[in-house]
Amino acid sequence: MSGPNIDAVKARVRKQQEEAAAAEAAPKVTQPKAKLKTSPEEMERFMKDFSEANAPEPERVDLGELSAEVKDNHANFEDGVTYRGTVIDNPKTRALIESRCADMDFGDLILSGRVCQDVPILKGKLEPSYQSLLGKEIFWLERNAHIHASSNLAMASWMGYARAALSMTAVNGKQFESHIDKDGELIDERVTEKITNLLNLPEQFISMLLVNYTWFNVRVEALYKDDFDLLKNG
């Protein structure tokens, strides 16, 4: 048997080397990258967002000194109460109404758990009597709020009306029937009736009653002021 043809083997090796060199020297062809398709609507949104993000900040306009009327409407007492600046909700109206109110006695809180006050909002037209609420009344309202309102916002609004309704013991001298029985328990039907009666009043009356209920509560809290001042100074 004859051995391999060395010349033929060398020729094949040379050919493979030449082909490899030629392939290396040839220009490489790359496949073009696929282009992302962008709709006109997407491009418009992009340009809008880009313009808004890079828009210069507007120049600040100096409005000068606030008028005395604006300052009065946004003033506040030392208790931190803020006002909407309306006819019924401003510092001057509050000061006038409170000047007509008799002082409350802290001793009443100790003896009965409540303090009461007649509040002449509109003399002869709207004169409610408020009482401070007990813990069990607040708990009843919190426990039943979901029955009368479905959302958190509505429940918070209902709580405001309900607290004012339970706080009122009379209007224009007409005494309301108590919503608490002889055993000290809340009567569900009477509580609901008091709240309904409040909501049946004209909107402007309700607004005045709510605002003045807030101010009444601030006056109740002020009964503790001297005690807390002693704590701070001690």
Protein backbone atom coordinates (compact mmCIF):
# COMPACT_ATOMS: atom_id res chain seq x y z
CA MET A 1 0.00 0.00 0.00
CA SER A 2 1.45 3.36 -0.99
CA GLY A 3 1.77 6.30 1.55
CA PRO A 4 -0.13 9.61 1.37
CA ASN A 5 0.64 12.10 -1.39
CA ILE A 6 2.53 14.80 0.52
CA ASP A 7 2.25 17.34 -2.30
CA ALA A 8 -1.53 16.93 -2.41
CA VAL A 9 -1.81 17.42 1.35
CA LYS A 10 0.34 20.57 1.22
CA ALA A 11 -1.77 21.91 -1.66
CA ARG A 12 -4.98 21.43 0.36
CA VAL A 13 -3.48 23.15 3.41
CA ARG A 14 -2.29 26.08 1.25
CA LYS A 15 -5.76 26.43 -0.26
CA GLN A 16 -7.44 26.46 3.16
CA GLN A 17 -4.98 29.12 4.40
CA GLU A 18 -5.58 31.31 1.32
CA GLU A 19 -9.37 31.01 1.69
CA ALA A 20 -9.16 31.95 5.38
CA ALA A 21 -6.95 34.98 4.61
CA ALA A 22 -9.30 36.11 1.85
CA ALA A 23 -12.31 35.83 4.16
CA GLU A 24 -10.48 37.88 6.81
CA ALA A 25 -9.57 40.62 4.33
CA ALA A 26 -13.05 40.88 2.82
CA PRO A 27 -15.24 43.75 4.13
CA LYS A 28 -17.69 42.59 6.77
CA VAL A 29 -21.36 43.01 5.98
CA THR A 30 -23.53 43.79 9.00
CA GLN A 31 -27.23 43.40 9.09
CA PRO A 32 -29.03 46.74 9.59
CA LYS A 33 -30.65 47.14 13.00
CA ALA A 34 -34.39 47.08 13.06
CA LYS A 35 -35.81 50.56 13.41
CA LEU A 36 -38.33 51.25 16.19
CA LYS A 37 -41.58 52.43 14.78
CA THR A 38 -42.91 55.60 16.49
CA SER A 39 -46.42 56.78 15.79
CA PRO A 40 -47.10 60.49 15.21
CA GLU A 41 -49.16 60.56 18.42
CA GLU A 42 -46.28 59.13 20.47
CA MET A 43 -43.84 61.61 18.93
CA GLU A 44 -46.23 64.47 19.72
CA ARG A 45 -46.53 63.35 23.35
CA PHE A 46 -42.77 63.04 23.63
CA MET A 47 -42.20 66.54 22.27
CA LYS A 48 -44.87 67.94 24.62
CA ASP A 49 -43.33 66.24 27.68
CA PHE A 50 -39.86 67.36 26.62
CA SER A 51 -40.99 70.97 26.19
CA GLU A 52 -42.75 71.03 29.57
CA ALA A 53 -39.76 69.47 31.34
CA ASN A 54 -37.38 72.03 29.88
CA ALA A 55 -39.62 75.09 30.06
CA PRO A 56 -38.11 78.03 31.95
CA GLU A 57 -39.55 78.79 35.38
CA PRO A 58 -42.11 81.62 35.32
CA GLU A 59 -40.93 84.89 36.74
CA ARG A 60 -42.25 85.67 40.21
CA VAL A 61 -44.51 88.66 40.41
CA ASP A 62 -44.26 90.81 43.51
CA LEU A 63 -47.82 91.60 44.58
CA GLY A 64 -46.63 94.02 47.21
CA GLU A 65 -48.00 94.38 50.71
CA LEU A 66 -51.21 92.47 51.47
CA SER A 67 -54.22 94.66 52.14
CA ALA A 68 -55.54 95.10 55.67
CA GLU A 69 -58.75 93.26 54.68
CA VAL A 70 -56.84 90.20 53.46
CA LYS A 71 -54.71 90.21 56.60
CA ASP A 72 -57.81 90.40 58.79
CA ASN A 73 -59.46 87.51 56.98
CA HIS A 74 -56.40 85.31 57.42
CA ALA A 75 -55.53 86.37 60.92
CA ASN A 76 -55.79 83.89 63.74
CA PHE A 77 -56.27 83.94 67.46
CA GLU A 78 -53.55 82.62 69.74
CA ASP A 79 -55.38 79.26 69.75
CA GLY A 80 -54.39 78.70 66.11
CA VAL A 81 -57.87 78.86 64.58
CA THR A 82 -57.84 79.69 60.88
CA TYR A 83 -60.63 81.36 58.95
CA ARG A 84 -62.10 81.21 55.45
CA GLY A 85 -62.53 84.97 55.36
CA THR A 86 -66.27 84.80 54.67
CA VAL A 87 -68.96 86.92 56.32
CA ILE A 88 -69.68 84.20 58.89
CA ASP A 89 -66.12 82.90 59.34
CA ASN A 90 -63.64 85.63 60.23
CA PRO A 91 -61.96 86.95 63.40
CA LYS A 92 -64.20 90.00 63.78
CA THR A 93 -67.40 87.96 63.62
CA ARG A 94 -65.99 85.49 66.12
CA ALA A 95 -64.93 88.24 68.53
CA LEU A 96 -68.39 89.85 68.33
CA ILE A 97 -70.22 86.57 69.00
CA GLU A 98 -67.90 85.61 71.86
CA SER A 99 -68.43 89.00 73.49
CA ARG A 100 -72.10 88.03 73.92
CA CYS A 101 -71.35 84.63 75.49
CA ALA A 102 -71.30 84.05 79.25
CA ASP A 103 -68.16 82.49 80.72
CA MET A 104 -68.07 78.75 81.27
CA ASP A 105 -67.10 77.15 84.59
CA PHE A 106 -64.43 74.46 84.70
CA GLY A 107 -66.19 73.11 87.78
CA ASP A 108 -69.09 71.98 85.59
CA LEU A 109 -66.74 69.64 83.77
CA ILE A 110 -65.75 68.08 87.07
CA LEU A 111 -69.30 67.75 88.41
CA SER A 112 -71.22 66.70 85.30
CA GLY A 113 -68.58 65.96 82.66
CA ARG A 114 -69.94 68.76 80.48
CA VAL A 115 -69.93 72.51 80.09
CA CYS A 116 -72.73 74.39 78.32
CA GLN A 117 -72.98 77.80 76.68
CA ASP A 118 -75.63 79.86 74.91
CA VAL A 119 -74.20 81.33 71.69
CA PRO A 120 -76.13 84.26 70.13
CA ILE A 121 -74.98 84.00 66.50
CA LEU A 122 -77.80 86.15 65.10
CA LYS A 123 -79.73 87.78 67.91
CA GLY A 124 -83.33 86.59 67.92
CA LYS A 125 -82.80 84.53 64.76
CA LEU A 126 -80.15 81.90 65.48
CA GLU A 127 -79.16 81.35 69.10
CA PRO A 128 -78.03 77.76 69.72
CA SER A 129 -77.00 76.29 73.04
CA TYR A 130 -73.97 74.01 72.88
CA GLN A 131 -72.70 71.37 75.29
CA SER A 132 -69.34 69.62 75.29
CA LEU A 133 -69.59 65.97 74.27
CA LEU A 134 -68.83 62.84 76.23
CA GLY A 135 -66.51 60.08 75.10
CA LYS A 136 -69.36 57.62 74.65
CA GLU A 137 -71.09 60.02 72.25
CA ILE A 138 -67.99 60.35 70.08
CA PHE A 139 -67.53 56.56 70.15
CA TRP A 140 -71.16 56.02 69.08
CA LEU A 141 -70.64 58.32 66.09
CA GLU A 142 -67.38 56.64 65.08
CA ARG A 143 -69.02 53.21 65.40
CA ASN A 144 -71.99 54.19 63.21
CA ALA A 145 -70.46 56.54 60.64
CA HIS A 146 -70.14 53.76 58.05
CA ILE A 147 -73.93 53.25 58.12
CA HIS A 148 -74.60 56.82 57.02
CA ALA A 149 -71.70 57.36 54.59
CA SER A 150 -69.77 55.12 52.20
CA SER A 151 -66.44 56.89 51.61
CA ASN A 152 -63.86 58.20 54.06
CA LEU A 153 -64.53 61.76 52.92
CA ALA A 154 -68.27 61.38 53.38
CA MET A 155 -67.82 59.79 56.81
CA ALA A 156 -65.57 62.65 57.95
CA SER A 157 -68.18 65.15 56.72
CA TRP A 158 -71.00 63.25 58.43
CA MET A 159 -69.00 63.16 61.68
CA GLY A 160 -68.76 66.96 61.62
CA TYR A 161 -72.51 67.38 61.22
CA ALA A 162 -73.24 64.67 63.79
CA ARG A 163 -70.97 66.14 66.48
CA ALA A 164 -72.53 69.57 66.07
CA ALA A 165 -76.03 68.04 66.22
CA LEU A 166 -75.34 66.13 69.46
CA SER A 167 -73.69 69.19 70.94
CA MET A 168 -76.78 71.37 70.49
CA THR A 169 -79.27 71.20 73.34
CA ALA A 170 -81.56 74.01 72.16
CA VAL A 171 -82.06 76.61 69.44
CA ASN A 172 -83.70 79.98 70.11
CA GLY A 173 -84.72 78.79 73.57
CA LYS A 174 -86.51 75.67 72.30
CA GLN A 175 -85.12 72.72 74.27
CA PHE A 176 -84.36 69.48 72.42
CA GLU A 177 -85.28 66.08 73.78
CA SER A 178 -82.23 64.33 75.21
CA HIS A 179 -80.65 61.54 73.17
CA ILE A 180 -79.48 59.80 76.37
CA ASP A 181 -81.81 57.65 78.49
CA LYS A 182 -82.07 57.50 82.30
CA ASP A 183 -79.39 54.80 82.42
CA GLY A 184 -76.92 56.98 80.54
CA GLU A 185 -77.15 55.03 77.27
CA LEU A 186 -77.54 56.66 73.86
CA ILE A 187 -80.90 56.19 72.17
CA ASP A 188 -80.14 55.36 68.54
CA GLU A 189 -83.37 56.77 67.10
CA ARG A 190 -82.98 60.10 68.88
CA VAL A 191 -79.36 60.49 67.84
CA THR A 192 -80.31 59.90 64.20
CA GLU A 193 -83.27 62.27 64.55
CA LYS A 194 -81.09 65.09 65.92
CA ILE A 195 -78.64 64.72 63.04
CA THR A 196 -81.48 64.66 60.49
CA ASN A 197 -83.04 67.78 62.02
CA LEU A 198 -79.74 69.64 61.68
CA LEU A 199 -79.33 68.61 58.05
CA ASN A 200 -82.87 69.79 57.27
CA LEU A 201 -81.92 73.39 58.14
CA PRO A 202 -80.94 75.94 55.45
CA GLU A 203 -77.36 75.55 54.24
CA GLN A 204 -76.32 78.98 55.58
CA PHE A 205 -77.66 78.15 59.05
CA ILE A 206 -75.79 74.83 59.04
CA SER A 207 -72.57 76.61 58.08
CA MET A 208 -72.98 79.10 60.92
CA LEU A 209 -73.76 76.34 63.42
CA LEU A 210 -70.71 74.30 62.37
CA VAL A 211 -68.36 77.28 62.52
CA ASN A 212 -69.61 78.32 65.95
CA TYR A 213 -69.49 74.74 67.22
CA THR A 214 -65.77 74.77 66.33
CA TRP A 215 -65.24 78.04 68.19
CA PHE A 216 -67.22 76.69 71.16
CA ASN A 217 -64.89 73.69 71.36
CA VAL A 218 -61.89 76.02 71.34
CA ARG A 219 -63.37 77.89 74.30
CA VAL A 220 -63.88 74.59 76.13
CA GLU A 221 -60.25 73.67 75.57
CA ALA A 222 -59.25 77.12 76.84
CA LEU A 223 -60.62 76.10 80.25
CA TYR A 224 -57.55 73.88 80.60
CA LYS A 225 -55.13 76.57 79.48
CA ASP A 226 -54.00 77.67 82.94
CA ASP A 227 -53.32 74.08 83.96
CA PHE A 228 -51.17 73.40 80.90
CA ASP A 229 -49.38 76.70 81.35
CA LEU A 230 -48.43 75.52 84.84
CA LEU A 231 -47.13 72.27 83.36
CA LYS A 232 -45.00 74.16 80.82
CA ASN A 233 -43.60 76.48 83.47
CA GLY A 234 -43.03 73.69 85.97
